[in-house]
Amino acid sequence: MRKYHERELSFQPRWNRSLSSSAGTAFLVAALLWAYWPTFGALSRRWSEDPQYSHGYVVPVFAAVVLWTRRHRFPAGRLGGTTAWGMAFLLAASAVRLTGAYFYLDGLDALSLVVAIVGVSLLIAGWPILRWGWPTVVFLLLMVPLPYHLGVFVTSPLLRTTVRISTYALQTLGLPAFAEGNVIRIDDLKIGVIEACSGLGMLMTFLALSAAVAFVIRRPLWDRVVILASAVPVGVFMNCLRITATALLERVFGEAVAQTFFHDVAGWFMMPLAFVALWLELRLLDALFIEPEQSGPIPLAVPPQSTHAAEGCPGPEMKSPLLEVSDAAP
């Protein structure tokens, strides 16, 4: 009876700690959702209304796939929170959010959400859970809208590059195309490439896709860096391909067919084409960098005399042909 009572007392603190840990986790998650609920609504409206940030709905899928592939690295054992670092990240998130509210910068509000998620993760499970799930933080940063001035700084060169490459592609196909600013002229036909067609959203989508592939594949570090860096040229190429195909369809079939292709059909084909481009890139890397085969030492045959010597038996005397030649008198 006494042993049972001692065992019950020894289990009770552990059960209380588990209960308090679960309650604390639920409270922190509920507080985070309550504090950032307006931010979630603003991000959802931005992803739905702004074509450049429509990739926001796709990025969480890539993050979930990456975490599933890293499930074998999930930290085992009891996870303990880090109060000091967790509070530091939460204070930093509060400072970033207040700065965004003061200067009317919506991007800083979304950025503070990512910082707050890191802080809550540290409070709940500490650094082990952050070392396991740090790719999720990278993907969450890809969902954050860029500040206005930074967005203009990135969009303008993308737009000029897209117009020039698409014009050159149309000229290569035999059409009398030339560029006037952001407008492609083909005879009397004018095709305006607006900022929404700059390819920023497609570039961010391919960047998330390349990051997911780089995290998932089992390749050397150099291959992963090349895959991640190829997101920019692949995104630009896909957007140029989309605009070129739209111009051809508008020239042949009219504006209605071209607009349907640009807004509906092409959007569904871009992602499979991106997968094909990444697959071809991996095959090219395999062809360029061939790993040497692992070969072990070549086994040597044991001479018969050494076997007899090891057994203590005198073996037959063997003469080397080289000795016979060197001893022979001329």
Protein backbone atom coordinates (compact mmCIF):
# COMPACT_ATOMS: atom_id res chain seq x y z
CA MET A 1 0.00 0.00 0.00
CA ARG A 2 2.84 2.35 0.81
CA LYS A 3 4.66 1.57 -2.45
CA TYR A 4 1.50 2.22 -4.43
CA HIS A 5 0.98 5.53 -2.63
CA GLU A 6 4.57 6.60 -3.36
CA ARG A 7 4.18 5.62 -7.01
CA GLU A 8 0.98 7.67 -7.27
CA LEU A 9 2.73 10.69 -5.77
CA SER A 10 5.65 10.31 -8.18
CA PHE A 11 3.35 10.26 -11.20
CA GLN A 12 1.19 13.18 -10.10
CA PRO A 13 3.74 16.01 -10.65
CA ARG A 14 4.53 14.69 -14.15
CA TRP A 15 0.82 14.59 -14.98
CA ASN A 16 0.38 18.10 -13.64
CA ARG A 17 3.35 19.33 -15.72
CA SER A 18 1.87 17.73 -18.84
CA LEU A 19 -1.52 19.31 -18.16
CA SER A 20 -0.03 22.73 -17.52
CA SER A 21 2.13 22.44 -20.65
CA SER A 22 -0.90 21.60 -22.82
CA ALA A 23 -2.91 24.42 -21.30
CA GLY A 24 -0.05 26.87 -21.81
CA THR A 25 0.35 25.80 -25.43
CA ALA A 26 -3.38 26.22 -26.10
CA PHE A 27 -3.35 29.64 -24.44
CA LEU A 28 -0.36 30.88 -26.47
CA VAL A 29 -1.80 29.66 -29.77
CA ALA A 30 -5.20 31.18 -28.98
CA ALA A 31 -3.58 34.49 -28.00
CA LEU A 32 -1.55 34.54 -31.24
CA LEU A 33 -4.66 33.88 -33.36
CA TRP A 34 -6.66 36.54 -31.50
CA ALA A 35 -3.92 39.17 -31.79
CA TYR A 36 -3.26 38.59 -35.50
CA TRP A 37 -6.76 37.77 -36.72
CA PRO A 38 -7.04 41.12 -38.60
CA THR A 39 -3.65 40.40 -40.20
CA PHE A 40 -4.87 37.02 -41.46
CA GLY A 41 -7.90 38.73 -43.00
CA ALA A 42 -5.76 41.40 -44.68
CA LEU A 43 -3.39 38.77 -46.09
CA SER A 44 -6.30 36.71 -47.43
CA ARG A 45 -7.77 39.75 -49.20
CA ARG A 46 -4.37 40.65 -50.65
CA TRP A 47 -3.85 37.12 -51.99
CA SER A 48 -7.34 37.09 -53.53
CA GLU A 49 -7.32 40.57 -55.11
CA ASP A 50 -3.69 41.15 -56.07
CA PRO A 51 -2.47 38.86 -58.90
CA GLN A 52 1.15 39.40 -57.86
CA TYR A 53 0.52 37.72 -54.49
CA SER A 54 -1.87 34.95 -55.47
CA HIS A 55 0.91 32.49 -54.58
CA GLY A 56 0.11 33.05 -50.90
CA TYR A 57 -2.36 30.15 -50.95
CA VAL A 58 0.17 27.76 -52.51
CA VAL A 59 3.14 28.40 -50.21
CA PRO A 60 1.61 26.69 -47.11
CA VAL A 61 1.16 23.52 -49.15
CA PHE A 62 4.88 23.49 -49.98
CA ALA A 63 5.70 24.13 -46.31
CA ALA A 64 3.53 21.21 -45.20
CA VAL A 65 5.20 18.89 -47.73
CA VAL A 66 8.67 19.90 -46.54
CA LEU A 67 7.75 19.33 -42.88
CA TRP A 68 6.33 15.91 -43.77
CA THR A 69 9.57 14.91 -45.47
CA ARG A 70 11.49 16.04 -42.36
CA ARG A 71 9.28 14.09 -39.93
CA HIS A 72 12.10 11.67 -39.15
CA ARG A 73 14.10 14.62 -37.78
CA PHE A 74 11.42 15.63 -35.30
CA PRO A 75 13.11 16.02 -31.89
CA ALA A 76 12.48 13.04 -29.67
CA GLY A 77 11.87 13.23 -25.94
CA ARG A 78 10.34 15.96 -23.84
CA LEU A 79 10.58 19.44 -25.32
CA GLY A 80 11.19 22.37 -23.03
CA GLY A 81 10.44 25.97 -23.84
CA THR A 82 12.95 28.81 -23.81
CA THR A 83 11.35 31.69 -21.94
CA ALA A 84 14.06 34.32 -22.44
CA TRP A 85 14.46 33.88 -26.21
CA GLY A 86 10.72 33.41 -26.72
CA MET A 87 9.91 36.69 -24.96
CA ALA A 88 12.70 38.43 -26.89
CA PHE A 89 11.15 37.39 -30.22
CA LEU A 90 7.68 38.40 -29.05
CA LEU A 91 8.97 41.83 -28.02
CA ALA A 92 10.67 42.17 -31.41
CA ALA A 93 7.40 41.21 -33.13
CA SER A 94 5.56 43.86 -31.12
CA ALA A 95 8.13 46.51 -32.08
CA VAL A 96 7.91 45.60 -35.78
CA ARG A 97 4.12 45.66 -35.69
CA LEU A 98 3.96 49.04 -33.95
CA THR A 99 6.41 50.45 -36.50
CA GLY A 100 4.26 49.19 -39.36
CA ALA A 101 1.11 50.67 -37.79
CA TYR A 102 2.79 54.03 -37.19
CA PHE A 103 4.10 54.35 -40.76
CA TYR A 104 1.11 52.57 -42.40
CA LEU A 105 3.24 49.69 -43.72
CA ASP A 106 1.14 46.55 -44.07
CA GLY A 107 4.17 44.47 -44.96
CA LEU A 108 5.70 45.01 -41.52
CA ASP A 109 2.49 43.82 -39.89
CA ALA A 110 2.70 40.53 -41.81
CA LEU A 111 6.43 40.28 -41.05
CA SER A 112 5.76 40.66 -37.33
CA LEU A 113 3.42 37.66 -37.59
CA VAL A 114 6.33 35.47 -38.69
CA VAL A 115 8.50 36.77 -35.85
CA ALA A 116 5.68 36.15 -33.36
CA ILE A 117 5.26 32.56 -34.58
CA VAL A 118 8.98 31.98 -33.94
CA GLY A 119 8.63 33.45 -30.45
CA VAL A 120 5.62 31.29 -29.57
CA SER A 121 7.43 28.18 -30.88
CA LEU A 122 10.40 28.95 -28.64
CA LEU A 123 8.14 29.44 -25.63
CA ILE A 124 6.40 26.12 -26.24
CA ALA A 125 9.18 23.77 -27.36
CA GLY A 126 12.50 25.65 -27.42
CA TRP A 127 15.27 25.58 -29.98
CA PRO A 128 14.90 21.87 -31.00
CA ILE A 129 11.50 22.48 -32.58
CA LEU A 130 12.83 25.57 -34.36
CA ARG A 131 15.81 23.65 -35.76
CA TRP A 132 13.36 21.07 -37.09
CA GLY A 133 10.82 23.49 -38.56
CA TRP A 134 12.99 26.37 -39.75
CA PRO A 135 12.07 25.74 -43.44
CA THR A 136 8.52 26.75 -42.51
CA VAL A 137 9.81 30.15 -41.41
CA VAL A 138 11.43 30.59 -44.84
CA PHE A 139 8.17 29.75 -46.61
CA LEU A 140 6.19 32.10 -44.38
CA LEU A 141 8.52 34.93 -45.38
CA LEU A 142 7.65 34.25 -49.03
CA MET A 143 3.98 34.94 -48.25
CA VAL A 144 4.68 38.39 -46.80
CA PRO A 145 3.85 41.18 -49.30
CA LEU A 146 6.78 43.37 -50.19
CA PRO A 147 6.73 47.03 -49.14
CA TYR A 148 5.53 49.39 -51.87
CA HIS A 149 8.90 50.93 -52.75
CA LEU A 150 10.65 47.54 -52.71
CA GLY A 151 7.87 46.07 -54.85
CA VAL A 152 8.29 48.86 -57.43
CA PHE A 153 12.06 48.37 -57.34
CA VAL A 154 11.65 44.67 -58.16
CA THR A 155 8.69 44.93 -60.54
CA SER A 156 10.12 47.55 -62.93
CA PRO A 157 13.19 45.53 -64.05
CA LEU A 158 11.09 42.37 -64.29
CA LEU A 159 8.59 44.17 -66.52
CA ARG A 160 11.26 45.57 -68.85
CA THR A 161 13.03 42.20 -69.08
CA THR A 162 9.78 40.36 -69.79
CA VAL A 163 8.78 42.77 -72.58
CA ARG A 164 12.18 42.60 -74.28
CA ILE A 165 12.47 38.81 -74.16
CA SER A 166 8.87 38.33 -75.35
CA THR A 167 9.42 40.77 -78.22
CA TYR A 168 12.59 38.97 -79.27
CA ALA A 169 10.75 35.62 -79.13
CA LEU A 170 7.98 36.96 -81.36
CA GLN A 171 10.55 38.33 -83.81
CA THR A 172 12.26 34.93 -83.86
CA LEU A 173 8.93 33.34 -84.76
CA GLY A 174 8.70 35.65 -87.79
CA LEU A 175 6.29 38.31 -86.51
CA PRO A 176 7.04 42.04 -87.03
CA ALA A 177 7.05 42.81 -83.30
CA PHE A 178 8.79 45.66 -81.54
CA ALA A 179 8.53 47.16 -78.06
CA GLU A 180 7.39 50.64 -77.12
CA GLY A 181 7.90 50.94 -73.40
CA ASN A 182 5.66 48.28 -71.87
CA VAL A 183 3.65 47.79 -75.07
CA ILE A 184 4.40 45.16 -77.72
CA ARG A 185 3.29 46.19 -81.22
CA ILE A 186 2.63 43.65 -83.98
CA ASP A 187 1.49 45.61 -87.05
CA ASP A 188 -1.67 47.38 -85.84
CA LEU A 189 -2.02 45.13 -82.80
CA LYS A 190 -0.99 46.56 -79.42
CA ILE A 191 -0.40 44.28 -76.43
CA GLY A 192 0.07 46.15 -73.17
CA VAL A 193 2.07 44.38 -70.45
CA ILE A 194 0.90 45.91 -67.18
CA GLU A 195 2.56 45.63 -63.77
CA ALA A 196 0.34 42.69 -62.83
CA CYS A 197 1.94 40.80 -65.74
CA SER A 198 5.49 41.50 -64.60
CA GLY A 199 5.81 37.96 -63.27
CA LEU A 200 6.47 38.83 -59.62
CA GLY A 201 3.82 36.42 -58.40
CA MET A 202 5.06 33.69 -60.71
CA LEU A 203 8.62 34.37 -59.58
CA MET A 204 7.66 34.02 -55.92
CA THR A 205 5.75 30.82 -56.68
CA PHE A 206 8.72 29.27 -58.46
CA LEU A 207 10.99 30.45 -55.66
CA ALA A 208 8.81 28.59 -53.16
CA LEU A 209 8.74 25.55 -55.46
CA SER A 210 12.52 25.57 -55.89
CA ALA A 211 13.02 25.94 -52.14
CA ALA A 212 10.71 22.98 -51.52
CA VAL A 213 12.59 20.84 -54.05
CA ALA A 214 15.95 21.91 -52.57
CA PHE A 215 14.79 20.88 -49.09
CA VAL A 216 13.30 17.56 -50.20
CA ILE A 217 15.88 16.12 -52.61
CA ARG A 218 18.87 14.22 -51.31
CA ARG A 219 21.62 15.91 -53.23
CA PRO A 220 24.92 17.63 -52.50
CA LEU A 221 24.76 21.18 -51.21
CA TRP A 222 25.97 22.56 -54.54
CA ASP A 223 23.03 21.01 -56.40
CA ARG A 224 20.56 22.49 -53.93
CA VAL A 225 22.07 25.95 -54.26
CA VAL A 226 21.82 25.73 -58.07
CA ILE A 227 18.18 24.62 -57.86
CA LEU A 228 17.32 27.49 -55.52
CA ALA A 229 19.17 30.07 -57.63
CA SER A 230 17.43 28.87 -60.79
CA ALA A 231 14.05 30.07 -59.50
CA VAL A 232 14.62 33.57 -60.92
CA PRO A 233 15.50 32.59 -64.53
CA VAL A 234 12.85 29.85 -64.58
CA GLY A 235 10.19 32.28 -63.34
CA VAL A 236 11.15 34.92 -65.90
CA PHE A 237 11.24 32.34 -68.70
CA MET A 238 7.79 30.98 -67.81
CA ASN A 239 6.28 34.45 -67.73
CA CYS A 240 7.84 35.30 -71.11
CA LEU A 241 6.48 32.06 -72.52
CA ARG A 242 3.03 32.97 -71.23
CA ILE A 243 3.08 36.46 -72.78
CA THR A 244 4.47 35.18 -76.09
CA ALA A 245 1.76 32.53 -76.36
CA THR A 246 -0.88 35.14 -75.50
CA ALA A 247 0.40 37.47 -78.24
CA LEU A 248 0.32 34.66 -80.80
CA LEU A 249 -3.24 33.70 -79.85
CA GLU A 250 -4.40 37.33 -80.00
CA ARG A 251 -2.82 37.71 -83.43
CA VAL A 252 -4.46 34.56 -84.79
CA PHE A 253 -7.74 34.08 -82.88
CA GLY A 254 -8.53 37.47 -81.39
CA GLU A 255 -8.52 39.16 -78.03
CA ALA A 256 -11.21 37.04 -76.35
CA VAL A 257 -9.33 33.77 -76.85
CA ALA A 258 -6.04 35.35 -75.80
CA GLN A 259 -7.50 36.77 -72.58
CA THR A 260 -9.07 33.41 -71.72
CA PHE A 261 -5.74 31.67 -72.24
CA PHE A 262 -3.76 34.26 -70.27
CA HIS A 263 -6.02 34.37 -67.22
CA ASP A 264 -7.31 30.79 -67.06
CA VAL A 265 -5.49 28.16 -69.10
CA ALA A 266 -1.91 29.42 -68.81
CA GLY A 267 -2.11 29.66 -65.04
CA TRP A 268 -2.80 25.93 -64.78
CA PHE A 269 0.02 25.00 -67.15
CA MET A 270 2.77 27.08 -65.56
CA MET A 271 3.22 24.87 -62.48
CA PRO A 272 3.60 21.56 -64.39
CA LEU A 273 6.01 23.28 -66.78
CA ALA A 274 8.02 24.50 -63.79
CA PHE A 275 8.25 20.93 -62.48
CA VAL A 276 9.45 19.79 -65.90
CA ALA A 277 12.06 22.57 -65.95
CA LEU A 278 13.37 21.56 -62.51
CA TRP A 279 13.46 17.90 -63.57
CA LEU A 280 15.46 18.76 -66.69
CA GLU A 281 17.80 20.85 -64.54
CA LEU A 282 18.42 17.91 -62.20
CA ARG A 283 19.14 15.64 -65.18
CA LEU A 284 21.57 18.24 -66.53
CA LEU A 285 23.36 18.38 -63.19
CA ASP A 286 23.62 14.58 -63.23
CA ALA A 287 25.18 14.72 -66.67
CA LEU A 288 27.62 17.52 -65.84
CA PHE A 289 28.83 16.30 -62.44
CA ILE A 290 29.44 12.55 -62.40
CA GLU A 291 30.34 11.18 -59.00
CA PRO A 292 33.23 8.66 -59.01
CA GLU A 293 32.37 5.12 -58.12
CA GLN A 294 33.40 3.96 -54.67
CA SER A 295 36.06 1.27 -55.15
CA GLY A 296 37.75 -0.56 -52.31
CA PRO A 297 41.31 -1.90 -52.15
CA ILE A 298 42.16 -4.67 -54.57
CA PRO A 299 42.73 -7.97 -52.67
CA LEU A 300 46.14 -9.51 -53.24
CA ALA A 301 46.74 -13.25 -53.45
CA VAL A 302 48.78 -14.68 -50.57
CA PRO A 303 51.94 -16.46 -51.80
CA PRO A 304 52.18 -20.18 -50.89
CA GLN A 305 55.49 -19.79 -49.01
CA SER A 306 53.99 -17.26 -46.58
CA THR A 307 51.23 -19.73 -45.73
CA HIS A 308 53.74 -22.47 -44.98
CA ALA A 309 55.88 -20.08 -42.99
CA ALA A 310 52.91 -19.05 -40.88
CA GLU A 311 52.14 -22.69 -40.12
CA GLY A 312 55.76 -23.40 -39.18
CA CYS A 313 56.34 -25.74 -42.10
CA PRO A 314 59.11 -25.16 -44.58
CA GLY A 315 57.56 -24.54 -47.96
CA PRO A 316 59.00 -25.34 -51.34
CA GLU A 317 61.77 -23.05 -52.40
CA MET A 318 60.65 -20.74 -55.18
CA LYS A 319 62.99 -18.83 -57.37
CA SER A 320 62.11 -15.52 -58.90
CA PRO A 321 62.77 -15.10 -62.60
CA LEU A 322 64.32 -11.72 -61.87
CA LEU A 323 66.87 -13.29 -59.54
CA GLU A 324 67.75 -15.90 -62.10
CA VAL A 325 68.37 -13.23 -64.71
CA SER A 326 70.47 -11.11 -62.37
CA ASP A 327 72.58 -14.09 -61.25
CA ALA A 328 73.22 -15.34 -64.76
CA ALA A 329 76.75 -14.67 -65.99
CA PRO A 330 77.15 -13.23 -69.43
